[in-house]
Amino acid sequence: QVQLVESGGGLVQPGGSLRLSCTMSRAILSTFWQYTMGWYRQAPGKQRELVATFTSDGSTNIADAVKGRFTISKNNSRKTIYLQMNNLKPEDTAVYYCSGTIGETTNWGQGTQVTVSS
């Protein structure tokens, strides 16, 4: 089973930026591209929600709440996806999770905390 490891979270002031990374391990390179990769987040007391994902045709799907501020990208050779987060707001505070879906199986990372506060 593949393993997803996130990094890059932390504490940032409103208006600041962070870049999250998620690297897939225990998967050969030729299978990484077969996964639909994405980012989700879960704030305290709320359900996990989609932030940004790649679609099956390679385009991106960005949640309205972060559109224009967050960008998802990937490096296939490194089996890594990124989430560039700009102009962060207190309401972006959450645990951010990386996901990788193939067929009907979704793998999740352990999550990385992002806190936006002055």
N, C-alpha and C. Protein backbone atom coordinates (compact mmCIF):
# COMPACT_ATOMS: atom_id res chain seq x y z
N GLN A 1 0.85 -1.19 0.00
CA GLN A 1 0.00 0.00 0.00
C GLN A 1 0.88 1.23 0.00
N VAL A 2 0.45 2.23 -0.76
CA VAL A 2 1.26 3.44 -0.85
C VAL A 2 1.15 4.22 0.45
N GLN A 3 2.14 5.07 0.68
CA GLN A 3 2.17 5.93 1.85
C GLN A 3 2.28 7.37 1.38
N LEU A 4 1.51 8.24 1.98
CA LEU A 4 1.53 9.65 1.65
C LEU A 4 2.04 10.43 2.86
N VAL A 5 3.05 11.26 2.63
CA VAL A 5 3.65 12.02 3.73
C VAL A 5 3.60 13.49 3.40
N GLU A 6 2.87 14.25 4.25
CA GLU A 6 2.75 15.70 4.06
C GLU A 6 3.81 16.43 4.87
N SER A 7 4.13 17.62 4.41
CA SER A 7 5.01 18.51 5.16
C SER A 7 4.71 19.94 4.75
N GLY A 8 5.21 20.88 5.56
CA GLY A 8 5.11 22.28 5.20
C GLY A 8 4.10 23.09 5.99
N GLY A 9 3.36 22.45 6.88
CA GLY A 9 2.41 23.20 7.68
C GLY A 9 3.11 24.06 8.72
N GLY A 10 2.31 24.87 9.43
CA GLY A 10 2.89 25.70 10.47
C GLY A 10 1.98 26.84 10.84
N LEU A 11 2.55 27.78 11.57
CA LEU A 11 1.83 28.98 12.01
C LEU A 11 2.22 30.15 11.12
N VAL A 12 1.22 30.85 10.62
CA VAL A 12 1.49 32.00 9.74
C VAL A 12 0.49 33.10 10.05
N GLN A 13 0.89 34.33 9.85
CA GLN A 13 0.00 35.46 10.07
C GLN A 13 -0.96 35.62 8.91
N PRO A 14 -2.11 36.23 9.16
CA PRO A 14 -3.04 36.50 8.04
C PRO A 14 -2.35 37.27 6.93
N GLY A 15 -2.64 36.86 5.70
CA GLY A 15 -1.99 37.46 4.55
C GLY A 15 -0.70 36.77 4.14
N GLY A 16 -0.23 35.86 4.96
CA GLY A 16 1.01 35.15 4.67
C GLY A 16 0.81 33.98 3.72
N SER A 17 1.90 33.26 3.47
CA SER A 17 1.90 32.15 2.52
C SER A 17 2.56 30.93 3.13
N LEU A 18 2.13 29.78 2.66
CA LEU A 18 2.76 28.50 2.99
C LEU A 18 2.69 27.61 1.76
N ARG A 19 3.62 26.68 1.67
CA ARG A 19 3.55 25.66 0.62
C ARG A 19 3.60 24.29 1.27
N LEU A 20 2.57 23.52 1.02
CA LEU A 20 2.51 22.15 1.51
C LEU A 20 3.02 21.20 0.44
N SER A 21 3.66 20.14 0.89
CA SER A 21 4.14 19.09 -0.01
C SER A 21 3.59 17.75 0.44
N CYS A 22 3.39 16.88 -0.52
CA CYS A 22 2.93 15.51 -0.22
C CYS A 22 3.66 14.57 -1.17
N THR A 23 4.44 13.67 -0.58
CA THR A 23 5.22 12.72 -1.37
C THR A 23 4.68 11.32 -1.18
N MET A 24 4.53 10.62 -2.28
CA MET A 24 4.06 9.24 -2.25
C MET A 24 5.25 8.29 -2.21
N SER A 25 5.22 7.38 -1.28
CA SER A 25 6.26 6.37 -1.20
C SER A 25 5.63 4.98 -1.35
N ARG A 26 6.47 3.99 -1.48
CA ARG A 26 6.05 2.60 -1.66
C ARG A 26 5.23 2.44 -2.94
N ALA A 27 5.52 3.27 -3.94
CA ALA A 27 4.85 3.14 -5.23
C ALA A 27 5.89 3.37 -6.30
N ILE A 28 5.86 2.54 -7.33
CA ILE A 28 6.79 2.76 -8.42
C ILE A 28 6.34 3.96 -9.25
N LEU A 29 7.25 4.61 -9.92
CA LEU A 29 6.95 5.85 -10.62
C LEU A 29 5.83 5.66 -11.63
N SER A 30 5.81 4.51 -12.29
CA SER A 30 4.84 4.32 -13.35
C SER A 30 3.42 4.24 -12.82
N THR A 31 3.23 4.07 -11.53
CA THR A 31 1.87 4.03 -11.00
C THR A 31 1.44 5.36 -10.41
N PHE A 32 2.36 6.24 -10.08
CA PHE A 32 1.99 7.51 -9.45
C PHE A 32 1.00 8.28 -10.31
N TRP A 33 1.23 8.32 -11.61
CA TRP A 33 0.38 9.12 -12.47
C TRP A 33 -1.03 8.56 -12.56
N GLN A 34 -1.20 7.32 -12.16
CA GLN A 34 -2.52 6.71 -12.21
C GLN A 34 -3.41 7.14 -11.05
N TYR A 35 -2.81 7.74 -10.05
CA TYR A 35 -3.58 8.19 -8.89
C TYR A 35 -4.16 9.58 -9.15
N THR A 36 -5.37 9.77 -8.68
CA THR A 36 -5.95 11.11 -8.64
C THR A 36 -5.57 11.71 -7.30
N MET A 37 -4.75 12.73 -7.34
CA MET A 37 -4.19 13.31 -6.12
C MET A 37 -4.91 14.60 -5.76
N GLY A 38 -4.94 14.88 -4.46
CA GLY A 38 -5.60 16.11 -4.05
C GLY A 38 -5.33 16.48 -2.61
N TRP A 39 -5.87 17.62 -2.22
CA TRP A 39 -5.75 18.14 -0.87
C TRP A 39 -7.14 18.36 -0.28
N TYR A 40 -7.29 17.98 0.96
CA TYR A 40 -8.50 18.22 1.73
C TYR A 40 -8.10 18.87 3.05
N ARG A 41 -9.06 19.42 3.75
CA ARG A 41 -8.77 19.98 5.06
C ARG A 41 -9.93 19.75 6.01
N GLN A 42 -9.61 19.76 7.29
CA GLN A 42 -10.63 19.58 8.32
C GLN A 42 -10.35 20.52 9.47
N ALA A 43 -11.28 21.44 9.68
CA ALA A 43 -11.18 22.37 10.80
C ALA A 43 -11.87 21.75 12.02
N PRO A 44 -11.52 22.21 13.22
CA PRO A 44 -12.14 21.66 14.43
C PRO A 44 -13.66 21.76 14.39
N GLY A 45 -14.33 20.65 14.66
CA GLY A 45 -15.78 20.64 14.69
C GLY A 45 -16.46 20.63 13.33
N LYS A 46 -15.66 20.53 12.27
CA LYS A 46 -16.23 20.54 10.92
C LYS A 46 -15.86 19.27 10.17
N GLN A 47 -16.59 19.01 9.11
CA GLN A 47 -16.28 17.86 8.27
C GLN A 47 -15.11 18.15 7.36
N ARG A 48 -14.46 17.08 6.94
CA ARG A 48 -13.36 17.22 5.99
C ARG A 48 -13.93 17.73 4.67
N GLU A 49 -13.22 18.68 4.06
CA GLU A 49 -13.71 19.27 2.82
C GLU A 49 -12.61 19.31 1.77
N LEU A 50 -13.03 19.30 0.53
CA LEU A 50 -12.10 19.38 -0.58
C LEU A 50 -11.49 20.78 -0.66
N VAL A 51 -10.20 20.82 -0.90
CA VAL A 51 -9.50 22.08 -1.13
C VAL A 51 -9.14 22.19 -2.61
N ALA A 52 -8.41 21.22 -3.10
CA ALA A 52 -7.98 21.24 -4.49
C ALA A 52 -7.59 19.83 -4.91
N THR A 53 -7.98 19.45 -6.10
CA THR A 53 -7.61 18.13 -6.61
C THR A 53 -7.30 18.21 -8.10
N PHE A 54 -6.60 17.20 -8.57
CA PHE A 54 -6.46 17.00 -10.00
C PHE A 54 -7.61 16.11 -10.45
N THR A 55 -8.14 16.39 -11.61
CA THR A 55 -9.20 15.56 -12.16
C THR A 55 -8.57 14.48 -13.04
N SER A 56 -9.41 13.56 -13.51
CA SER A 56 -8.90 12.43 -14.29
C SER A 56 -8.29 12.87 -15.61
N ASP A 57 -8.69 14.03 -16.12
CA ASP A 57 -8.11 14.50 -17.39
C ASP A 57 -6.93 15.44 -17.18
N GLY A 58 -6.49 15.54 -15.90
CA GLY A 58 -5.29 16.32 -15.62
C GLY A 58 -5.54 17.77 -15.27
N SER A 59 -6.77 18.22 -15.38
CA SER A 59 -7.07 19.59 -14.99
C SER A 59 -7.24 19.65 -13.47
N THR A 60 -7.53 20.81 -12.94
CA THR A 60 -7.64 20.97 -11.50
C THR A 60 -9.03 21.42 -11.08
N ASN A 61 -9.38 21.03 -9.88
CA ASN A 61 -10.66 21.43 -9.29
C ASN A 61 -10.34 22.13 -7.98
N ILE A 62 -10.68 23.41 -7.89
CA ILE A 62 -10.33 24.23 -6.73
C ILE A 62 -11.61 24.67 -6.02
N ALA A 63 -11.64 24.53 -4.71
CA ALA A 63 -12.81 24.95 -3.94
C ALA A 63 -13.00 26.46 -4.06
N ASP A 64 -14.24 26.89 -4.08
CA ASP A 64 -14.54 28.32 -4.22
C ASP A 64 -13.92 29.13 -3.09
N ALA A 65 -13.85 28.56 -1.89
CA ALA A 65 -13.34 29.30 -0.74
C ALA A 65 -11.87 29.67 -0.87
N VAL A 66 -11.14 28.96 -1.71
CA VAL A 66 -9.70 29.22 -1.83
C VAL A 66 -9.30 29.60 -3.25
N LYS A 67 -10.26 29.65 -4.15
CA LYS A 67 -9.96 29.95 -5.55
C LYS A 67 -9.31 31.34 -5.65
N GLY A 68 -8.24 31.39 -6.43
CA GLY A 68 -7.52 32.65 -6.59
C GLY A 68 -6.42 32.84 -5.55
N ARG A 69 -6.42 32.02 -4.51
CA ARG A 69 -5.40 32.12 -3.46
C ARG A 69 -4.54 30.86 -3.37
N PHE A 70 -5.12 29.71 -3.63
CA PHE A 70 -4.40 28.44 -3.54
C PHE A 70 -4.17 27.86 -4.94
N THR A 71 -3.04 27.20 -5.10
CA THR A 71 -2.71 26.55 -6.36
C THR A 71 -2.19 25.15 -6.08
N ILE A 72 -2.69 24.17 -6.82
CA ILE A 72 -2.20 22.80 -6.70
C ILE A 72 -1.30 22.51 -7.90
N SER A 73 -0.20 21.82 -7.63
CA SER A 73 0.72 21.45 -8.70
C SER A 73 1.35 20.10 -8.34
N LYS A 74 2.08 19.54 -9.30
CA LYS A 74 2.72 18.25 -9.01
C LYS A 74 4.00 18.07 -9.81
N ASN A 75 4.84 17.22 -9.30
CA ASN A 75 6.07 16.83 -9.96
C ASN A 75 6.05 15.30 -10.03
N ASN A 76 5.74 14.78 -11.21
CA ASN A 76 5.59 13.33 -11.34
C ASN A 76 6.88 12.59 -11.06
N SER A 77 8.01 13.15 -11.47
CA SER A 77 9.28 12.44 -11.28
C SER A 77 9.62 12.31 -9.80
N ARG A 78 9.11 13.23 -8.99
CA ARG A 78 9.35 13.17 -7.55
C ARG A 78 8.17 12.55 -6.81
N LYS A 79 7.13 12.16 -7.54
CA LYS A 79 5.92 11.58 -6.94
C LYS A 79 5.41 12.49 -5.83
N THR A 80 5.35 13.77 -6.14
CA THR A 80 5.01 14.78 -5.13
C THR A 80 3.98 15.75 -5.68
N ILE A 81 3.03 16.12 -4.83
CA ILE A 81 2.12 17.22 -5.17
C ILE A 81 2.33 18.34 -4.16
N TYR A 82 1.92 19.53 -4.57
CA TYR A 82 2.12 20.72 -3.74
C TYR A 82 0.81 21.50 -3.63
N LEU A 83 0.73 22.25 -2.58
CA LEU A 83 -0.37 23.20 -2.42
C LEU A 83 0.24 24.53 -2.00
N GLN A 84 0.27 25.46 -2.93
CA GLN A 84 0.74 26.81 -2.63
C GLN A 84 -0.43 27.62 -2.12
N MET A 85 -0.28 28.13 -0.91
CA MET A 85 -1.36 28.87 -0.27
C MET A 85 -0.91 30.30 -0.03
N ASN A 86 -1.56 31.24 -0.67
CA ASN A 86 -1.24 32.66 -0.53
C ASN A 86 -2.41 33.40 0.11
N ASN A 87 -2.11 34.57 0.64
CA ASN A 87 -3.13 35.41 1.27
C ASN A 87 -3.99 34.60 2.24
N LEU A 88 -3.32 33.91 3.12
CA LEU A 88 -4.02 33.04 4.06
C LEU A 88 -4.89 33.83 5.01
N LYS A 89 -6.02 33.21 5.37
CA LYS A 89 -6.99 33.83 6.27
C LYS A 89 -7.19 32.95 7.50
N PRO A 90 -7.63 33.53 8.60
CA PRO A 90 -7.87 32.71 9.80
C PRO A 90 -8.78 31.52 9.54
N GLU A 91 -9.73 31.67 8.64
CA GLU A 91 -10.65 30.56 8.34
C GLU A 91 -10.00 29.43 7.55
N ASP A 92 -8.76 29.63 7.14
CA ASP A 92 -8.01 28.54 6.49
C ASP A 92 -7.37 27.62 7.52
N THR A 93 -7.45 27.97 8.78
CA THR A 93 -6.87 27.14 9.84
C THR A 93 -7.54 25.76 9.85
N ALA A 94 -6.73 24.72 9.73
CA ALA A 94 -7.24 23.36 9.66
C ALA A 94 -6.06 22.39 9.60
N VAL A 95 -6.40 21.12 9.71
CA VAL A 95 -5.43 20.08 9.37
C VAL A 95 -5.63 19.76 7.88
N TYR A 96 -4.55 19.81 7.15
CA TYR A 96 -4.60 19.58 5.71
C TYR A 96 -4.12 18.16 5.42
N TYR A 97 -4.91 17.46 4.62
CA TYR A 97 -4.62 16.07 4.29
C TYR A 97 -4.40 15.91 2.79
N CYS A 98 -3.43 15.10 2.48
CA CYS A 98 -3.17 14.70 1.10
C CYS A 98 -3.92 13.41 0.82
N SER A 99 -4.46 13.28 -0.37
CA SER A 99 -5.17 12.05 -0.74
C SER A 99 -4.70 11.56 -2.10
N GLY A 100 -4.74 10.24 -2.24
CA GLY A 100 -4.40 9.61 -3.51
C GLY A 100 -5.41 8.51 -3.79
N THR A 101 -6.15 8.63 -4.88
CA THR A 101 -7.20 7.69 -5.21
C THR A 101 -6.89 6.95 -6.48
N ILE A 102 -7.05 5.64 -6.42
CA ILE A 102 -6.93 4.79 -7.60
C ILE A 102 -8.08 3.79 -7.55
N GLY A 103 -8.87 3.76 -8.61
CA GLY A 103 -10.07 2.92 -8.58
C GLY A 103 -10.98 3.38 -7.46
N GLU A 104 -11.34 2.47 -6.58
CA GLU A 104 -12.22 2.80 -5.46
C GLU A 104 -11.47 2.91 -4.15
N THR A 105 -10.15 2.96 -4.23
CA THR A 105 -9.33 3.02 -3.02
C THR A 105 -8.72 4.40 -2.87
N THR A 106 -8.92 5.00 -1.70
CA THR A 106 -8.33 6.29 -1.39
C THR A 106 -7.37 6.13 -0.22
N ASN A 107 -6.16 6.61 -0.43
CA ASN A 107 -5.15 6.62 0.62
C ASN A 107 -5.02 8.04 1.16
N TRP A 108 -4.80 8.16 2.46
CA TRP A 108 -4.67 9.47 3.11
C TRP A 108 -3.34 9.59 3.82
N GLY A 109 -2.83 10.82 3.82
CA GLY A 109 -1.67 11.11 4.64
C GLY A 109 -2.08 11.34 6.08
N GLN A 110 -1.08 11.61 6.92
CA GLN A 110 -1.36 11.76 8.34
C GLN A 110 -1.87 13.17 8.69
N GLY A 111 -1.73 14.09 7.75
CA GLY A 111 -2.20 15.45 7.95
C GLY A 111 -1.10 16.37 8.46
N THR A 112 -1.22 17.64 8.11
CA THR A 112 -0.30 18.65 8.60
C THR A 112 -1.12 19.87 9.03
N GLN A 113 -0.79 20.40 10.19
CA GLN A 113 -1.56 21.51 10.76
C GLN A 113 -1.16 22.83 10.15
N VAL A 114 -2.15 23.59 9.74
CA VAL A 114 -1.95 24.97 9.28
C VAL A 114 -2.76 25.87 10.20
N THR A 115 -2.09 26.82 10.82
CA THR A 115 -2.75 27.76 11.71
C THR A 115 -2.47 29.17 11.24
N VAL A 116 -3.53 29.92 10.99
CA VAL A 116 -3.42 31.30 10.53
C VAL A 116 -3.91 32.20 11.66
N SER A 117 -2.99 32.92 12.25
CA SER A 117 -3.34 33.73 13.41
C SER A 117 -2.31 34.84 13.59
N SER A 118 -2.78 35.97 14.10
CA SER A 118 -1.87 37.05 14.41
C SER A 118 -1.45 36.99 15.87
